[in-house]
Amino acid sequence: MGPGEVFALLIVVLIPTIFLGYMARRFWAFREKQLEAQTSLAAEKAAQYAASNSELEARVRVLEQIVTDGGLHTATQIEALRQPRLSAEARSPNQAASS
């Protein structure tokens, strides 16, 4: 086996090995970025669920209070909760007409 054959053998083995190593490194870098994106998306969803959960807990507390309180006190609280919604609905058509 002469030096030319050894050189040819190195080229035939070395170039594909380097290429495969390069492709493997790029693949794992891609997978790492993909996992980071999935992690940030999961964290964002968890924050949204936590916010939604706290809103639902507040609503359940109000409902529990309504169920356990007396009737007259409950009626005044319900009417107090309706007033802002009714006034907001009354304002919105006027604002739309003036625009």
PDB file of N, CA and C in Angstrom:
ATOM      1  N   MET A   1       0.856  -1.160   0.000  1.00  0.00           N
ATOM      2  CA  MET A   1       0.000   0.000   0.000  1.00  0.00           C
ATOM      3  C   MET A   1       0.906   1.227   0.000  1.00  0.00           C
ATOM      4  N   GLY A   2       0.747   2.039  -1.011  1.00  0.00           N
ATOM      5  CA  GLY A   2       1.587   3.218  -1.152  1.00  0.00           C
ATOM      6  C   GLY A   2       0.967   4.434  -0.491  1.00  0.00           C
ATOM      7  N   PRO A   3       1.706   5.539  -0.508  1.00  0.00           N
ATOM      8  CA  PRO A   3       1.208   6.762   0.125  1.00  0.00           C
ATOM      9  C   PRO A   3      -0.028   7.315  -0.573  1.00  0.00           C
ATOM     10  N   GLY A   4      -0.176   7.113  -1.861  1.00  0.00           N
ATOM     11  CA  GLY A   4      -1.371   7.592  -2.568  1.00  0.00           C
ATOM     12  C   GLY A   4      -2.615   6.847  -2.136  1.00  0.00           C
ATOM     13  N   GLU A   5      -2.459   5.543  -1.931  1.00  0.00           N
ATOM     14  CA  GLU A   5      -3.613   4.760  -1.486  1.00  0.00           C
ATOM     15  C   GLU A   5      -4.034   5.133  -0.068  1.00  0.00           C
ATOM     16  N   VAL A   6      -3.054   5.389   0.798  1.00  0.00           N
ATOM     17  CA  VAL A   6      -3.353   5.805   2.167  1.00  0.00           C
ATOM     18  C   VAL A   6      -4.049   7.165   2.154  1.00  0.00           C
ATOM     19  N   PHE A   7      -3.560   8.075   1.328  1.00  0.00           N
ATOM     20  CA  PHE A   7      -4.154   9.404   1.205  1.00  0.00           C
ATOM     21  C   PHE A   7      -5.592   9.290   0.673  1.00  0.00           C
ATOM     22  N   ALA A   8      -5.806   8.465  -0.328  1.00  0.00           N
ATOM     23  CA  ALA A   8      -7.145   8.264  -0.882  1.00  0.00           C
ATOM     24  C   ALA A   8      -8.069   7.641   0.165  1.00  0.00           C
ATOM     25  N   LEU A   9      -7.568   6.698   0.917  1.00  0.00           N
ATOM     26  CA  LEU A   9      -8.364   6.067   1.960  1.00  0.00           C
ATOM     27  C   LEU A   9      -8.752   7.077   3.038  1.00  0.00           C
ATOM     28  N   LEU A  10      -7.813   7.931   3.426  1.00  0.00           N
ATOM     29  CA  LEU A  10      -8.125   8.972   4.406  1.00  0.00           C
ATOM     30  C   LEU A  10      -9.200   9.915   3.881  1.00  0.00           C
ATOM     31  N   ILE A  11      -9.096  10.292   2.620  1.00  0.00           N
ATOM     32  CA  ILE A  11     -10.099  11.179   2.026  1.00  0.00           C
ATOM     33  C   ILE A  11     -11.459  10.488   1.986  1.00  0.00           C
ATOM     34  N   VAL A  12     -11.487   9.240   1.591  1.00  0.00           N
ATOM     35  CA  VAL A  12     -12.750   8.507   1.487  1.00  0.00           C
ATOM     36  C   VAL A  12     -13.388   8.305   2.862  1.00  0.00           C
ATOM     37  N   VAL A  13     -12.594   8.120   3.888  1.00  0.00           N
ATOM     38  CA  VAL A  13     -13.134   7.891   5.228  1.00  0.00           C
ATOM     39  C   VAL A  13     -13.296   9.206   5.982  1.00  0.00           C
ATOM     40  N   LEU A  14     -12.330  10.100   5.863  1.00  0.00           N
ATOM     41  CA  LEU A  14     -12.314  11.316   6.668  1.00  0.00           C
ATOM     42  C   LEU A  14     -13.399  12.302   6.258  1.00  0.00           C
ATOM     43  N   ILE A  15     -13.597  12.534   4.983  1.00  0.00           N
ATOM     44  CA  ILE A  15     -14.592  13.517   4.533  1.00  0.00           C
ATOM     45  C   ILE A  15     -16.012  13.115   4.959  1.00  0.00           C
ATOM     46  N   PRO A  16     -16.454  11.879   4.727  1.00  0.00           N
ATOM     47  CA  PRO A  16     -17.800  11.521   5.210  1.00  0.00           C
ATOM     48  C   PRO A  16     -17.928  11.575   6.734  1.00  0.00           C
ATOM     49  N   THR A  17     -16.863  11.233   7.449  1.00  0.00           N
ATOM     50  CA  THR A  17     -16.909  11.284   8.909  1.00  0.00           C
ATOM     51  C   THR A  17     -17.061  12.717   9.390  1.00  0.00           C
ATOM     52  N   ILE A  18     -16.300  13.627   8.798  1.00  0.00           N
ATOM     53  CA  ILE A  18     -16.409  15.044   9.164  1.00  0.00           C
ATOM     54  C   ILE A  18     -17.792  15.571   8.804  1.00  0.00           C
ATOM     55  N   PHE A  19     -18.299  15.195   7.645  1.00  0.00           N
ATOM     56  CA  PHE A  19     -19.617  15.638   7.217  1.00  0.00           C
ATOM     57  C   PHE A  19     -20.708  15.126   8.170  1.00  0.00           C
ATOM     58  N   LEU A  20     -20.623  13.871   8.539  1.00  0.00           N
ATOM     59  CA  LEU A  20     -21.611  13.320   9.467  1.00  0.00           C
ATOM     60  C   LEU A  20     -21.533  13.991  10.840  1.00  0.00           C
ATOM     61  N   GLY A  21     -20.322  14.266  11.285  1.00  0.00           N
ATOM     62  CA  GLY A  21     -20.165  14.976  12.557  1.00  0.00           C
ATOM     63  C   GLY A  21     -20.757  16.371  12.498  1.00  0.00           C
ATOM     64  N   TYR A  22     -20.538  17.068  11.402  1.00  0.00           N
ATOM     65  CA  TYR A  22     -21.088  18.411  11.211  1.00  0.00           C
ATOM     66  C   TYR A  22     -22.616  18.367  11.200  1.00  0.00           C
ATOM     67  N   MET A  23     -23.186  17.405  10.476  1.00  0.00           N
ATOM     68  CA  MET A  23     -24.643  17.293  10.399  1.00  0.00           C
ATOM     69  C   MET A  23     -25.239  16.924  11.762  1.00  0.00           C
ATOM     70  N   ALA A  24     -24.561  16.062  12.495  1.00  0.00           N
ATOM     71  CA  ALA A  24     -25.045  15.689  13.827  1.00  0.00           C
ATOM     72  C   ALA A  24     -25.032  16.896  14.759  1.00  0.00           C
ATOM     73  N   ARG A  25     -23.985  17.698  14.695  1.00  0.00           N
ATOM     74  CA  ARG A  25     -23.900  18.892  15.538  1.00  0.00           C
ATOM     75  C   ARG A  25     -25.016  19.874  15.204  1.00  0.00           C
ATOM     76  N   ARG A  26     -25.273  20.075  13.902  1.00  0.00           N
ATOM     77  CA  ARG A  26     -26.365  20.969  13.493  1.00  0.00           C
ATOM     78  C   ARG A  26     -27.723  20.431  13.942  1.00  0.00           C
ATOM     79  N   PHE A  27     -27.912  19.123  13.835  1.00  0.00           N
ATOM     80  CA  PHE A  27     -29.173  18.515  14.260  1.00  0.00           C
ATOM     81  C   PHE A  27     -29.416  18.745  15.741  1.00  0.00           C
ATOM     82  N   TRP A  28     -28.386  18.521  16.566  1.00  0.00           N
ATOM     83  CA  TRP A  28     -28.573  18.692  18.005  1.00  0.00           C
ATOM     84  C   TRP A  28     -28.755  20.155  18.380  1.00  0.00           C
ATOM     85  N   ALA A  29     -28.137  21.063  17.652  1.00  0.00           N
ATOM     86  CA  ALA A  29     -28.360  22.492  17.900  1.00  0.00           C
ATOM     87  C   ALA A  29     -29.811  22.853  17.557  1.00  0.00           C
ATOM     88  N   PHE A  30     -30.310  22.293  16.458  1.00  0.00           N
ATOM     89  CA  PHE A  30     -31.700  22.521  16.080  1.00  0.00           C
ATOM     90  C   PHE A  30     -32.649  21.971  17.143  1.00  0.00           C
ATOM     91  N   ARG A  31     -32.394  20.768  17.618  1.00  0.00           N
ATOM     92  CA  ARG A  31     -33.244  20.166  18.647  1.00  0.00           C
ATOM     93  C   ARG A  31     -33.222  20.987  19.932  1.00  0.00           C
ATOM     94  N   GLU A  32     -32.061  21.542  20.274  1.00  0.00           N
ATOM     95  CA  GLU A  32     -31.966  22.364  21.479  1.00  0.00           C
ATOM     96  C   GLU A  32     -32.811  23.629  21.335  1.00  0.00           C
ATOM     97  N   LYS A  33     -32.739  24.279  20.183  1.00  0.00           N
ATOM     98  CA  LYS A  33     -33.567  25.471  19.953  1.00  0.00           C
ATOM     99  C   LYS A  33     -35.046  25.112  19.968  1.00  0.00           C
ATOM    100  N   GLN A  34     -35.384  23.971  19.407  1.00  0.00           N
ATOM    101  CA  GLN A  34     -36.770  23.524  19.386  1.00  0.00           C
ATOM    102  C   GLN A  34     -37.280  23.273  20.815  1.00  0.00           C
ATOM    103  N   LEU A  35     -36.476  22.659  21.635  1.00  0.00           N
ATOM    104  CA  LEU A  35     -36.864  22.410  23.025  1.00  0.00           C
ATOM    105  C   LEU A  35     -36.993  23.717  23.816  1.00  0.00           C
ATOM    106  N   GLU A  36     -36.115  24.673  23.553  1.00  0.00           N
ATOM    107  CA  GLU A  36     -36.216  25.974  24.215  1.00  0.00           C
ATOM    108  C   GLU A  36     -37.518  26.668  23.842  1.00  0.00           C
ATOM    109  N   ALA A  37     -37.890  26.589  22.561  1.00  0.00           N
ATOM    110  CA  ALA A  37     -39.141  27.197  22.120  1.00  0.00           C
ATOM    111  C   ALA A  37     -40.338  26.519  22.775  1.00  0.00           C
ATOM    112  N   GLN A  38     -40.309  25.202  22.864  1.00  0.00           N
ATOM    113  CA  GLN A  38     -41.400  24.470  23.509  1.00  0.00           C
ATOM    114  C   GLN A  38     -41.473  24.798  24.993  1.00  0.00           C
ATOM    115  N   THR A  39     -40.321  24.955  25.622  1.00  0.00           N
ATOM    116  CA  THR A  39     -40.286  25.286  27.045  1.00  0.00           C
ATOM    117  C   THR A  39     -40.880  26.664  27.296  1.00  0.00           C
ATOM    118  N   SER A  40     -40.514  27.636  26.471  1.00  0.00           N
ATOM    119  CA  SER A  40     -41.061  28.980  26.663  1.00  0.00           C
ATOM    120  C   SER A  40     -42.562  28.999  26.393  1.00  0.00           C
ATOM    121  N   LEU A  41     -43.016  28.232  25.415  1.00  0.00           N
ATOM    122  CA  LEU A  41     -44.442  28.143  25.138  1.00  0.00           C
ATOM    123  C   LEU A  41     -45.183  27.504  26.308  1.00  0.00           C
ATOM    124  N   ALA A  42     -44.608  26.462  26.871  1.00  0.00           N
ATOM    125  CA  ALA A  42     -45.228  25.803  28.026  1.00  0.00           C
ATOM    126  C   ALA A  42     -45.277  26.740  29.227  1.00  0.00           C
ATOM    127  N   ALA A  43     -44.234  27.521  29.423  1.00  0.00           N
ATOM    128  CA  ALA A  43     -44.214  28.470  30.540  1.00  0.00           C
ATOM    129  C   ALA A  43     -45.279  29.549  30.343  1.00  0.00           C
ATOM    130  N   GLU A  44     -45.436  30.000  29.116  1.00  0.00           N
ATOM    131  CA  GLU A  44     -46.452  31.008  28.820  1.00  0.00           C
ATOM    132  C   GLU A  44     -47.855  30.452  29.062  1.00  0.00           C
ATOM    133  N   LYS A  45     -48.091  29.229  28.627  1.00  0.00           N
ATOM    134  CA  LYS A  45     -49.393  28.603  28.861  1.00  0.00           C
ATOM    135  C   LYS A  45     -49.646  28.407  30.350  1.00  0.00           C
ATOM    136  N   ALA A  46     -48.619  28.036  31.090  1.00  0.00           N
ATOM    137  CA  ALA A  46     -48.774  27.855  32.531  1.00  0.00           C
ATOM    138  C   ALA A  46     -49.146  29.174  33.202  1.00  0.00           C
ATOM    139  N   ALA A  47     -48.548  30.261  32.758  1.00  0.00           N
ATOM    140  CA  ALA A  47     -48.882  31.575  33.321  1.00  0.00           C
ATOM    141  C   ALA A  47     -50.332  31.948  32.991  1.00  0.00           C
ATOM    142  N   GLN A  48     -50.763  31.647  31.775  1.00  0.00           N
ATOM    143  CA  GLN A  48     -52.151  31.933  31.393  1.00  0.00           C
ATOM    144  C   GLN A  48     -53.117  31.101  32.231  1.00  0.00           C
ATOM    145  N   TYR A  49     -52.793  29.827  32.433  1.00  0.00           N
ATOM    146  CA  TYR A  49     -53.651  28.970  33.248  1.00  0.00           C
ATOM    147  C   TYR A  49     -53.695  29.454  34.684  1.00  0.00           C
ATOM    148  N   ALA A  50     -52.578  29.922  35.191  1.00  0.00           N
ATOM    149  CA  ALA A  50     -52.539  30.418  36.572  1.00  0.00           C
ATOM    150  C   ALA A  50     -53.417  31.659  36.712  1.00  0.00           C
ATOM    151  N   ALA A  51     -53.352  32.550  35.728  1.00  0.00           N
ATOM    152  CA  ALA A  51     -54.182  33.756  35.767  1.00  0.00           C
ATOM    153  C   ALA A  51     -55.657  33.378  35.675  1.00  0.00           C
ATOM    154  N   SER A  52     -55.968  32.473  34.777  1.00  0.00           N
ATOM    155  CA  SER A  52     -57.347  32.024  34.627  1.00  0.00           C
ATOM    156  C   SER A  52     -57.831  31.337  35.897  1.00  0.00           C
ATOM    157  N   ASN A  53     -56.965  30.545  36.492  1.00  0.00           N
ATOM    158  CA  ASN A  53     -57.316  29.837  37.715  1.00  0.00           C
ATOM    159  C   ASN A  53     -57.609  30.815  38.849  1.00  0.00           C
ATOM    160  N   SER A  54     -56.810  31.861  38.973  1.00  0.00           N
ATOM    161  CA  SER A  54     -57.048  32.829  40.050  1.00  0.00           C
ATOM    162  C   SER A  54     -58.356  33.582  39.826  1.00  0.00           C
ATOM    163  N   GLU A  55     -58.689  33.881  38.564  1.00  0.00           N
ATOM    164  CA  GLU A  55     -59.972  34.535  38.271  1.00  0.00           C
ATOM    165  C   GLU A  55     -61.133  33.612  38.644  1.00  0.00           C
ATOM    166  N   LEU A  56     -61.012  32.346  38.300  1.00  0.00           N
ATOM    167  CA  LEU A  56     -62.075  31.389  38.632  1.00  0.00           C
ATOM    168  C   LEU A  56     -62.218  31.210  40.145  1.00  0.00           C
ATOM    169  N   GLU A  57     -61.100  31.200  40.858  1.00  0.00           N
ATOM    170  CA  GLU A  57     -61.158  31.085  42.311  1.00  0.00           C
ATOM    171  C   GLU A  57     -61.873  32.288  42.920  1.00  0.00           C
ATOM    172  N   ALA A  58     -61.610  33.473  42.389  1.00  0.00           N
ATOM    173  CA  ALA A  58     -62.289  34.671  42.895  1.00  0.00           C
ATOM    174  C   ALA A  58     -63.795  34.583  42.639  1.00  0.00           C
ATOM    175  N   ARG A  59     -64.164  34.112  41.464  1.00  0.00           N
ATOM    176  CA  ARG A  59     -65.588  33.977  41.145  1.00  0.00           C
ATOM    177  C   ARG A  59     -66.260  32.932  42.040  1.00  0.00           C
ATOM    178  N   VAL A  60     -65.566  31.844  42.311  1.00  0.00           N
ATOM    179  CA  VAL A  60     -66.126  30.809  43.183  1.00  0.00           C
ATOM    180  C   VAL A  60     -66.296  31.351  44.601  1.00  0.00           C
ATOM    181  N   ARG A  61     -65.326  32.158  45.066  1.00  0.00           N
ATOM    182  CA  ARG A  61     -65.460  32.765  46.395  1.00  0.00           C
ATOM    183  C   ARG A  61     -66.711  33.638  46.465  1.00  0.00           C
ATOM    184  N   VAL A  62     -66.947  34.422  45.399  1.00  0.00           N
ATOM    185  CA  VAL A  62     -68.136  35.275  45.366  1.00  0.00           C
ATOM    186  C   VAL A  62     -69.397  34.415  45.394  1.00  0.00           C
ATOM    187  N   LEU A  63     -69.396  33.343  44.600  1.00  0.00           N
ATOM    188  CA  LEU A  63     -70.574  32.466  44.587  1.00  0.00           C
ATOM    189  C   LEU A  63     -70.789  31.797  45.941  1.00  0.00           C
ATOM    190  N   GLU A  64     -69.712  31.373  46.587  1.00  0.00           N
ATOM    191  CA  GLU A  64     -69.845  30.782  47.914  1.00  0.00           C
ATOM    192  C   GLU A  64     -70.411  31.786  48.905  1.00  0.00           C
ATOM    193  N   GLN A  65     -69.972  33.019  48.791  1.00  0.00           N
ATOM    194  CA  GLN A  65     -70.474  34.055  49.685  1.00  0.00           C
ATOM    195  C   GLN A  65     -71.956  34.310  49.425  1.00  0.00           C
ATOM    196  N   ILE A  66     -72.345  34.313  48.144  1.00  0.00           N
ATOM    197  CA  ILE A  66     -73.749  34.522  47.806  1.00  0.00           C
ATOM    198  C   ILE A  66     -74.606  33.391  48.368  1.00  0.00           C
ATOM    199  N   VAL A  67     -74.115  32.173  48.267  1.00  0.00           N
ATOM    200  CA  VAL A  67     -74.886  31.021  48.738  1.00  0.00           C
ATOM    201  C   VAL A  67     -75.012  31.032  50.260  1.00  0.00           C
ATOM    202  N   THR A  68     -73.973  31.437  50.945  1.00  0.00           N
ATOM    203  CA  THR A  68     -73.982  31.355  52.410  1.00  0.00           C
ATOM    204  C   THR A  68     -74.538  32.593  53.090  1.00  0.00           C
ATOM    205  N   ASP A  69     -74.621  33.743  52.404  1.00  0.00           N
ATOM    206  CA  ASP A  69     -75.120  34.977  53.020  1.00  0.00           C
ATOM    207  C   ASP A  69     -76.642  35.013  53.019  1.00  0.00           C
ATOM    208  N   GLY A  70     -77.168  36.012  53.731  1.00  0.00           N
ATOM    209  CA  GLY A  70     -78.612  36.217  53.780  1.00  0.00           C
ATOM    210  C   GLY A  70     -79.135  36.774  52.465  1.00  0.00           C
ATOM    211  N   GLY A  71     -80.445  36.701  52.280  1.00  0.00           N
ATOM    212  CA  GLY A  71     -81.075  37.082  51.022  1.00  0.00           C
ATOM    213  C   GLY A  71     -80.994  38.562  50.699  1.00  0.00           C
ATOM    214  N   LEU A  72     -81.291  39.450  51.636  1.00  0.00           N
ATOM    215  CA  LEU A  72     -81.300  40.885  51.367  1.00  0.00           C
ATOM    216  C   LEU A  72     -79.898  41.391  51.050  1.00  0.00           C
ATOM    217  N   HIS A  73     -78.941  40.948  51.812  1.00  0.00           N
ATOM    218  CA  HIS A  73     -77.551  41.353  51.587  1.00  0.00           C
ATOM    219  C   HIS A  73     -77.080  40.854  50.220  1.00  0.00           C
ATOM    220  N   THR A  74     -77.475  39.643  49.882  1.00  0.00           N
ATOM    221  CA  THR A  74     -77.090  39.057  48.593  1.00  0.00           C
ATOM    222  C   THR A  74     -77.706  39.829  47.439  1.00  0.00           C
ATOM    223  N   ALA A  75     -78.953  40.201  47.566  1.00  0.00           N
ATOM    224  CA  ALA A  75     -79.637  40.935  46.496  1.00  0.00           C
ATOM    225  C   ALA A  75     -78.956  42.281  46.239  1.00  0.00           C
ATOM    226  N   THR A  76     -78.547  42.970  47.288  1.00  0.00           N
ATOM    227  CA  THR A  76     -77.868  44.258  47.100  1.00  0.00           C
ATOM    228  C   THR A  76     -76.502  44.066  46.447  1.00  0.00           C
ATOM    229  N   GLN A  77     -75.828  42.997  46.801  1.00  0.00           N
ATOM    230  CA  GLN A  77     -74.524  42.733  46.169  1.00  0.00           C
ATOM    231  C   GLN A  77     -74.687  42.407  44.690  1.00  0.00           C
ATOM    232  N   ILE A  78     -75.695  41.625  44.361  1.00  0.00           N
ATOM    233  CA  ILE A  78     -75.928  41.283  42.955  1.00  0.00           C
ATOM    234  C   ILE A  78     -76.252  42.534  42.159  1.00  0.00           C
ATOM    235  N   GLU A  79     -77.097  43.379  42.701  1.00  0.00           N
ATOM    236  CA  GLU A  79     -77.440  44.620  42.007  1.00  0.00           C
ATOM    237  C   GLU A  79     -76.214  45.525  41.867  1.00  0.00           C
ATOM    238  N   ALA A  80     -75.362  45.539  42.876  1.00  0.00           N
ATOM    239  CA  ALA A  80     -74.137  46.342  42.801  1.00  0.00           C
ATOM    240  C   ALA A  80     -73.208  45.814  41.713  1.00  0.00           C
ATOM    241  N   LEU A  81     -73.200  44.507  41.533  1.00  0.00           N
ATOM    242  CA  LEU A  81     -72.371  43.937  40.474  1.00  0.00           C
ATOM    243  C   LEU A  81     -72.950  44.208  39.093  1.00  0.00           C
ATOM    244  N   ARG A  82     -74.271  44.297  38.995  1.00  0.00           N
ATOM    245  CA  ARG A  82     -74.907  44.549  37.699  1.00  0.00           C
ATOM    246  C   ARG A  82     -74.754  45.998  37.266  1.00  0.00           C
ATOM    247  N   GLN A  83     -74.733  46.921  38.182  1.00  0.00           N
ATOM    248  CA  GLN A  83     -74.698  48.337  37.841  1.00  0.00           C
ATOM    249  C   GLN A  83     -73.524  48.724  36.940  1.00  0.00           C
ATOM    250  N   PRO A  84     -72.281  48.346  37.251  1.00  0.00           N
ATOM    251  CA  PRO A  84     -71.179  48.724  36.356  1.00  0.00           C
ATOM    252  C   PRO A  84     -71.329  48.129  34.961  1.00  0.00           C
ATOM    253  N   ARG A  85     -71.829  46.912  34.872  1.00  0.00           N
ATOM    254  CA  ARG A  85     -71.997  46.279  33.570  1.00  0.00           C
ATOM    255  C   ARG A  85     -73.058  47.017  32.767  1.00  0.00           C
ATOM    256  N   LEU A  86     -74.168  47.387  33.414  1.00  0.00           N
ATOM    257  CA  LEU A  86     -75.228  48.093  32.708  1.00  0.00           C
ATOM    258  C   LEU A  86     -74.767  49.466  32.267  1.00  0.00           C
ATOM    259  N   SER A  87     -74.025  50.167  33.107  1.00  0.00           N
ATOM    260  CA  SER A  87     -73.553  51.494  32.731  1.00  0.00           C
ATOM    261  C   SER A  87     -72.509  51.405  31.617  1.00  0.00           C
ATOM    262  N   ALA A  88     -71.707  50.360  31.581  1.00  0.00           N
ATOM    263  CA  ALA A  88     -70.724  50.183  30.511  1.00  0.00           C
ATOM    264  C   ALA A  88     -71.430  49.866  29.199  1.00  0.00           C
ATOM    265  N   GLU A  89     -72.486  49.051  29.267  1.00  0.00           N
ATOM    266  CA  GLU A  89     -73.240  48.737  28.056  1.00  0.00           C
ATOM    267  C   GLU A  89     -73.976  49.965  27.545  1.00  0.00           C
ATOM    268  N   ALA A  90     -74.454  50.803  28.449  1.00  0.00           N
ATOM    269  CA  ALA A  90     -75.165  52.020  28.042  1.00  0.00           C
ATOM    270  C   ALA A  90     -74.213  53.007  27.392  1.00  0.00           C
ATOM    271  N   ARG A  91     -72.973  53.053  27.837  1.00  0.00           N
ATOM    272  CA  ARG A  91     -71.999  53.977  27.264  1.00  0.00           C
ATOM    273  C   ARG A  91     -71.496  53.532  25.905  1.00  0.00           C
ATOM    274  N   SER A  92     -71.368  52.251  25.674  1.00  0.00           N
ATOM    275  CA  SER A  92     -70.750  51.771  24.446  1.00  0.00           C
ATOM    276  C   SER A  92     -71.531  52.155  23.187  1.00  0.00           C
ATOM    277  N   PRO A  93     -72.873  52.119  23.134  1.00  0.00           N
ATOM    278  CA  PRO A  93     -73.554  52.564  21.906  1.00  0.00           C
ATOM    279  C   PRO A  93     -73.369  54.048  21.655  1.00  0.00           C
ATOM    280  N   ASN A  94     -73.328  54.869  22.725  1.00  0.00           N
ATOM    281  CA  ASN A  94     -73.131  56.304  22.549  1.00  0.00           C
ATOM    282  C   ASN A  94     -71.754  56.589  22.005  1.00  0.00           C
ATOM    283  N   GLN A  95     -70.757  55.848  22.471  1.00  0.00           N
ATOM    284  CA  GLN A  95     -69.404  56.057  21.987  1.00  0.00           C
ATOM    285  C   GLN A  95     -69.294  55.640  20.532  1.00  0.00           C
ATOM    286  N   ALA A  96     -69.975  54.570  20.162  1.00  0.00           N
ATOM    287  CA  ALA A  96     -69.922  54.102  18.777  1.00  0.00           C
ATOM    288  C   ALA A  96     -70.614  55.082  17.855  1.00  0.00           C
ATOM    289  N   ALA A  97     -71.697  55.718  18.310  1.00  0.00           N
ATOM    290  CA  ALA A  97     -72.428  56.668  17.470  1.00  0.00           C
ATOM    291  C   ALA A  97     -71.646  57.952  17.283  1.00  0.00           C
ATOM    292  N   SER A  98     -70.888  58.361  18.289  1.00  0.00           N
ATOM    293  CA  SER A  98     -70.133  59.608  18.195  1.00  0.00           C
ATOM    294  C   SER A  98     -68.861  59.468  17.373  1.00  0.00           C
ATOM    295  N   SER A  99     -68.411  58.229  17.113  1.00  0.00           N
ATOM    296  CA  SER A  99     -67.161  58.002  16.364  1.00  0.00           C
ATOM    297  C   SER A  99     -67.321  58.204  14.899  1.00  0.00           C
TER     298      SER A  99
END
